[in-house]
Amino acid sequence: MVVLSMMKYTLKNAVSENVLRGRRTWCYLVENSAGETVGKLKKTRTTWILSMKQKQFVPTPGSLPWVAGITNSPCKGFKTVAEARKFLKNPTFAPPKE
């Protein structure tokens, strides 16, 4: 069972000295439609990792967690920031654990 969210989420640059100096952004804050910060999108070596407070994600079919039988994951990986933005327009979350 997959839970669809009616809340809209957006990415906002995490303002830091590196951003002000013109360097690349390595972290974005996730804001909900009420303007509250609810998570982060952070850069790792090769991917972007999305984590949100009190939310669990369904692994992508064919991914290693999915093959291993994991149904709820606290993080979700993306190759680009654009993929993460697209996901956040219409996110799907795993049902909460009981």
N, C-alpha and C. Protein backbone atom coordinates (compact mmCIF):
# COMPACT_ATOMS: atom_id res chain seq x y z
N MET A 1 0.84 -1.18 0.00
CA MET A 1 0.00 0.00 0.00
C MET A 1 0.88 1.24 0.00
N VAL A 2 0.57 2.19 -0.86
CA VAL A 2 1.35 3.41 -0.98
C VAL A 2 0.46 4.58 -0.58
N VAL A 3 1.00 5.48 0.22
CA VAL A 3 0.26 6.65 0.67
C VAL A 3 0.61 7.82 -0.23
N LEU A 4 -0.39 8.42 -0.86
CA LEU A 4 -0.16 9.61 -1.69
C LEU A 4 -0.29 10.84 -0.81
N SER A 5 0.55 11.81 -1.02
CA SER A 5 0.53 13.03 -0.23
C SER A 5 -0.10 14.16 -1.02
N MET A 6 -0.97 14.89 -0.39
CA MET A 6 -1.60 16.04 -1.04
C MET A 6 -0.79 17.31 -0.80
N MET A 7 0.19 17.23 0.08
CA MET A 7 1.02 18.38 0.39
C MET A 7 2.05 18.57 -0.72
N LYS A 8 2.32 19.80 -1.08
CA LYS A 8 3.34 20.11 -2.09
C LYS A 8 4.62 20.49 -1.37
N TYR A 9 5.73 20.05 -1.93
CA TYR A 9 7.04 20.33 -1.35
C TYR A 9 7.91 21.04 -2.38
N THR A 10 8.79 21.92 -1.90
CA THR A 10 9.72 22.62 -2.77
C THR A 10 11.12 22.56 -2.17
N LEU A 11 12.13 22.76 -3.01
CA LEU A 11 13.52 22.81 -2.56
C LEU A 11 13.97 24.25 -2.45
N LYS A 12 14.70 24.54 -1.41
CA LYS A 12 15.23 25.88 -1.20
C LYS A 12 16.71 25.74 -0.87
N ASN A 13 17.54 26.59 -1.47
CA ASN A 13 18.97 26.54 -1.20
C ASN A 13 19.23 26.76 0.28
N ALA A 14 20.12 25.96 0.83
CA ALA A 14 20.56 26.16 2.20
C ALA A 14 21.64 27.24 2.15
N VAL A 15 21.32 28.41 2.65
CA VAL A 15 22.25 29.54 2.56
C VAL A 15 23.43 29.29 3.50
N SER A 16 24.60 29.35 2.93
CA SER A 16 25.83 29.18 3.72
C SER A 16 26.91 30.05 3.10
N GLU A 17 28.07 30.05 3.72
CA GLU A 17 29.18 30.83 3.17
C GLU A 17 29.57 30.34 1.78
N ASN A 18 29.51 29.03 1.57
CA ASN A 18 29.88 28.48 0.26
C ASN A 18 28.95 29.00 -0.83
N VAL A 19 27.66 29.09 -0.56
CA VAL A 19 26.72 29.59 -1.54
C VAL A 19 26.99 31.06 -1.81
N LEU A 20 27.26 31.81 -0.75
CA LEU A 20 27.52 33.24 -0.91
C LEU A 20 28.81 33.50 -1.68
N ARG A 21 29.76 32.59 -1.60
CA ARG A 21 31.02 32.75 -2.33
C ARG A 21 30.94 32.26 -3.77
N GLY A 22 29.79 31.75 -4.18
CA GLY A 22 29.61 31.33 -5.56
C GLY A 22 29.97 29.89 -5.83
N ARG A 23 30.17 29.10 -4.78
CA ARG A 23 30.48 27.69 -4.97
C ARG A 23 29.20 26.90 -5.15
N ARG A 24 29.35 25.64 -5.51
CA ARG A 24 28.19 24.78 -5.73
C ARG A 24 27.40 24.56 -4.44
N THR A 25 26.12 24.33 -4.61
CA THR A 25 25.27 24.00 -3.48
C THR A 25 25.32 22.49 -3.26
N TRP A 26 25.57 22.07 -2.03
CA TRP A 26 25.64 20.65 -1.70
C TRP A 26 24.47 20.21 -0.84
N CYS A 27 23.61 21.15 -0.48
CA CYS A 27 22.47 20.82 0.38
C CYS A 27 21.31 21.74 0.06
N TYR A 28 20.12 21.17 -0.02
CA TYR A 28 18.89 21.93 -0.19
C TYR A 28 17.96 21.60 0.97
N LEU A 29 17.17 22.57 1.40
CA LEU A 29 16.16 22.34 2.41
C LEU A 29 14.85 22.04 1.71
N VAL A 30 14.06 21.13 2.26
CA VAL A 30 12.75 20.79 1.71
C VAL A 30 11.71 21.52 2.53
N GLU A 31 10.89 22.33 1.86
CA GLU A 31 9.82 23.07 2.54
C GLU A 31 8.48 22.57 2.07
N ASN A 32 7.51 22.50 3.00
CA ASN A 32 6.16 22.13 2.60
C ASN A 32 5.40 23.38 2.16
N SER A 33 4.14 23.21 1.77
CA SER A 33 3.38 24.35 1.24
C SER A 33 3.10 25.40 2.31
N ALA A 34 3.24 25.05 3.59
CA ALA A 34 3.05 26.01 4.67
C ALA A 34 4.33 26.80 4.96
N GLY A 35 5.42 26.49 4.28
CA GLY A 35 6.68 27.20 4.46
C GLY A 35 7.56 26.64 5.57
N GLU A 36 7.21 25.49 6.13
CA GLU A 36 8.00 24.88 7.19
C GLU A 36 9.07 23.97 6.59
N THR A 37 10.26 23.97 7.17
CA THR A 37 11.33 23.08 6.73
C THR A 37 11.04 21.69 7.27
N VAL A 38 10.93 20.71 6.38
CA VAL A 38 10.57 19.35 6.79
C VAL A 38 11.62 18.30 6.41
N GLY A 39 12.72 18.71 5.76
CA GLY A 39 13.73 17.73 5.39
C GLY A 39 14.91 18.36 4.66
N LYS A 40 15.79 17.47 4.14
CA LYS A 40 17.00 17.91 3.44
C LYS A 40 17.23 17.05 2.21
N LEU A 41 17.86 17.65 1.22
CA LEU A 41 18.38 16.94 0.06
C LEU A 41 19.88 17.22 0.07
N LYS A 42 20.69 16.18 0.34
CA LYS A 42 22.13 16.36 0.48
C LYS A 42 22.88 15.64 -0.61
N LYS A 43 23.99 16.19 -1.02
CA LYS A 43 24.86 15.61 -2.03
C LYS A 43 25.83 14.64 -1.38
N THR A 44 25.91 13.42 -1.96
CA THR A 44 26.95 12.48 -1.58
C THR A 44 27.92 12.43 -2.76
N ARG A 45 28.80 11.48 -2.79
CA ARG A 45 29.79 11.44 -3.88
C ARG A 45 29.15 11.37 -5.26
N THR A 46 28.16 10.50 -5.42
CA THR A 46 27.60 10.29 -6.76
C THR A 46 26.10 10.53 -6.85
N THR A 47 25.41 10.69 -5.74
CA THR A 47 23.95 10.86 -5.78
C THR A 47 23.49 11.95 -4.82
N TRP A 48 22.21 12.24 -4.89
CA TRP A 48 21.55 13.15 -3.96
C TRP A 48 20.64 12.32 -3.08
N ILE A 49 20.68 12.53 -1.76
CA ILE A 49 19.90 11.75 -0.81
C ILE A 49 18.85 12.67 -0.17
N LEU A 50 17.58 12.25 -0.28
CA LEU A 50 16.46 12.99 0.30
C LEU A 50 16.03 12.32 1.59
N SER A 51 15.91 13.10 2.66
CA SER A 51 15.37 12.59 3.92
C SER A 51 14.39 13.62 4.45
N MET A 52 13.28 13.13 4.98
CA MET A 52 12.24 14.02 5.50
C MET A 52 11.81 13.55 6.88
N LYS A 53 11.46 14.49 7.75
CA LYS A 53 11.04 14.17 9.10
C LYS A 53 9.75 13.35 9.07
N GLN A 54 9.74 12.27 9.81
CA GLN A 54 8.58 11.41 10.00
C GLN A 54 7.98 10.88 8.70
N LYS A 55 8.80 10.71 7.66
CA LYS A 55 8.33 10.16 6.40
C LYS A 55 9.20 8.97 6.03
N GLN A 56 8.58 7.96 5.45
CA GLN A 56 9.27 6.78 4.96
C GLN A 56 8.99 6.67 3.46
N PHE A 57 9.95 6.19 2.70
CA PHE A 57 9.81 6.09 1.25
C PHE A 57 9.74 4.63 0.82
N VAL A 58 9.04 4.38 -0.27
CA VAL A 58 8.98 3.06 -0.88
C VAL A 58 10.17 2.97 -1.84
N PRO A 59 11.02 1.95 -1.73
CA PRO A 59 12.15 1.83 -2.66
C PRO A 59 11.68 1.67 -4.11
N THR A 60 12.44 2.17 -5.02
CA THR A 60 12.14 2.06 -6.45
C THR A 60 12.23 0.59 -6.88
N PRO A 61 11.23 0.10 -7.63
CA PRO A 61 11.31 -1.29 -8.10
C PRO A 61 12.60 -1.53 -8.89
N GLY A 62 13.28 -2.61 -8.54
CA GLY A 62 14.53 -2.96 -9.20
C GLY A 62 15.76 -2.48 -8.45
N SER A 63 15.58 -1.57 -7.47
CA SER A 63 16.73 -1.09 -6.71
C SER A 63 17.17 -2.15 -5.71
N LEU A 64 18.37 -2.00 -5.16
CA LEU A 64 18.89 -2.98 -4.21
C LEU A 64 18.00 -3.14 -2.97
N PRO A 65 17.51 -2.05 -2.36
CA PRO A 65 16.61 -2.24 -1.21
C PRO A 65 15.33 -2.99 -1.58
N TRP A 66 14.80 -2.72 -2.76
CA TRP A 66 13.58 -3.38 -3.21
C TRP A 66 13.82 -4.88 -3.39
N VAL A 67 14.96 -5.22 -3.99
CA VAL A 67 15.31 -6.63 -4.20
C VAL A 67 15.51 -7.33 -2.86
N ALA A 68 16.04 -6.62 -1.88
CA ALA A 68 16.29 -7.20 -0.56
C ALA A 68 15.00 -7.33 0.26
N GLY A 69 13.89 -6.79 -0.24
CA GLY A 69 12.61 -6.92 0.45
C GLY A 69 12.30 -5.81 1.43
N ILE A 70 13.05 -4.72 1.37
CA ILE A 70 12.79 -3.59 2.27
C ILE A 70 11.58 -2.83 1.76
N THR A 71 10.61 -2.57 2.66
CA THR A 71 9.38 -1.88 2.24
C THR A 71 9.37 -0.41 2.64
N ASN A 72 10.05 -0.06 3.71
CA ASN A 72 10.12 1.34 4.16
C ASN A 72 11.57 1.76 4.28
N SER A 73 11.91 2.91 3.71
CA SER A 73 13.27 3.40 3.78
C SER A 73 13.24 4.86 4.26
N PRO A 74 14.13 5.26 5.18
CA PRO A 74 14.12 6.64 5.67
C PRO A 74 14.70 7.64 4.67
N CYS A 75 15.38 7.16 3.62
CA CYS A 75 15.99 8.04 2.62
C CYS A 75 15.63 7.56 1.22
N LYS A 76 15.73 8.49 0.27
CA LYS A 76 15.50 8.14 -1.13
C LYS A 76 16.60 8.80 -1.94
N GLY A 77 17.18 8.06 -2.87
CA GLY A 77 18.28 8.57 -3.67
C GLY A 77 17.84 9.02 -5.05
N PHE A 78 18.52 10.05 -5.58
CA PHE A 78 18.26 10.59 -6.91
C PHE A 78 19.59 10.86 -7.59
N LYS A 79 19.60 10.78 -8.92
CA LYS A 79 20.82 11.08 -9.67
C LYS A 79 21.02 12.57 -9.82
N THR A 80 19.92 13.33 -9.95
CA THR A 80 20.02 14.78 -10.14
C THR A 80 19.02 15.50 -9.25
N VAL A 81 19.24 16.79 -9.07
CA VAL A 81 18.32 17.62 -8.32
C VAL A 81 16.99 17.72 -9.06
N ALA A 82 17.03 17.73 -10.39
CA ALA A 82 15.81 17.81 -11.18
C ALA A 82 14.89 16.62 -10.92
N GLU A 83 15.46 15.42 -10.78
CA GLU A 83 14.66 14.24 -10.46
C GLU A 83 14.00 14.39 -9.09
N ALA A 84 14.73 14.94 -8.13
CA ALA A 84 14.19 15.15 -6.79
C ALA A 84 13.04 16.16 -6.82
N ARG A 85 13.22 17.25 -7.58
CA ARG A 85 12.15 18.25 -7.71
C ARG A 85 10.90 17.62 -8.32
N LYS A 86 11.08 16.79 -9.33
CA LYS A 86 9.95 16.13 -9.97
C LYS A 86 9.24 15.21 -8.98
N PHE A 87 10.00 14.46 -8.19
CA PHE A 87 9.41 13.58 -7.19
C PHE A 87 8.62 14.38 -6.15
N LEU A 88 9.16 15.51 -5.72
CA LEU A 88 8.52 16.30 -4.68
C LEU A 88 7.22 16.98 -5.14
N LYS A 89 7.02 17.09 -6.45
CA LYS A 89 5.75 17.65 -6.94
C LYS A 89 4.60 16.70 -6.66
N ASN A 90 4.86 15.39 -6.71
CA ASN A 90 3.83 14.39 -6.46
C ASN A 90 4.47 13.21 -5.71
N PRO A 91 4.81 13.41 -4.43
CA PRO A 91 5.53 12.37 -3.68
C PRO A 91 4.63 11.20 -3.28
N THR A 92 5.22 10.03 -3.18
CA THR A 92 4.55 8.86 -2.64
C THR A 92 5.36 8.36 -1.46
N PHE A 93 4.69 8.16 -0.35
CA PHE A 93 5.36 7.71 0.86
C PHE A 93 4.84 6.33 1.25
N ALA A 94 5.65 5.62 1.98
CA ALA A 94 5.26 4.32 2.51
C ALA A 94 4.31 4.55 3.68
N PRO A 95 3.41 3.59 3.92
CA PRO A 95 2.51 3.74 5.07
C PRO A 95 3.31 3.72 6.36
N PRO A 96 2.88 4.46 7.38
CA PRO A 96 3.62 4.48 8.64
C PRO A 96 3.64 3.10 9.30
N LYS A 97 4.75 2.81 9.97
CA LYS A 97 4.88 1.53 10.67
C LYS A 97 4.00 1.58 11.92
N GLU A 98 3.40 0.45 12.21
CA GLU A 98 2.52 0.40 13.40
C GLU A 98 3.19 -0.25 14.57
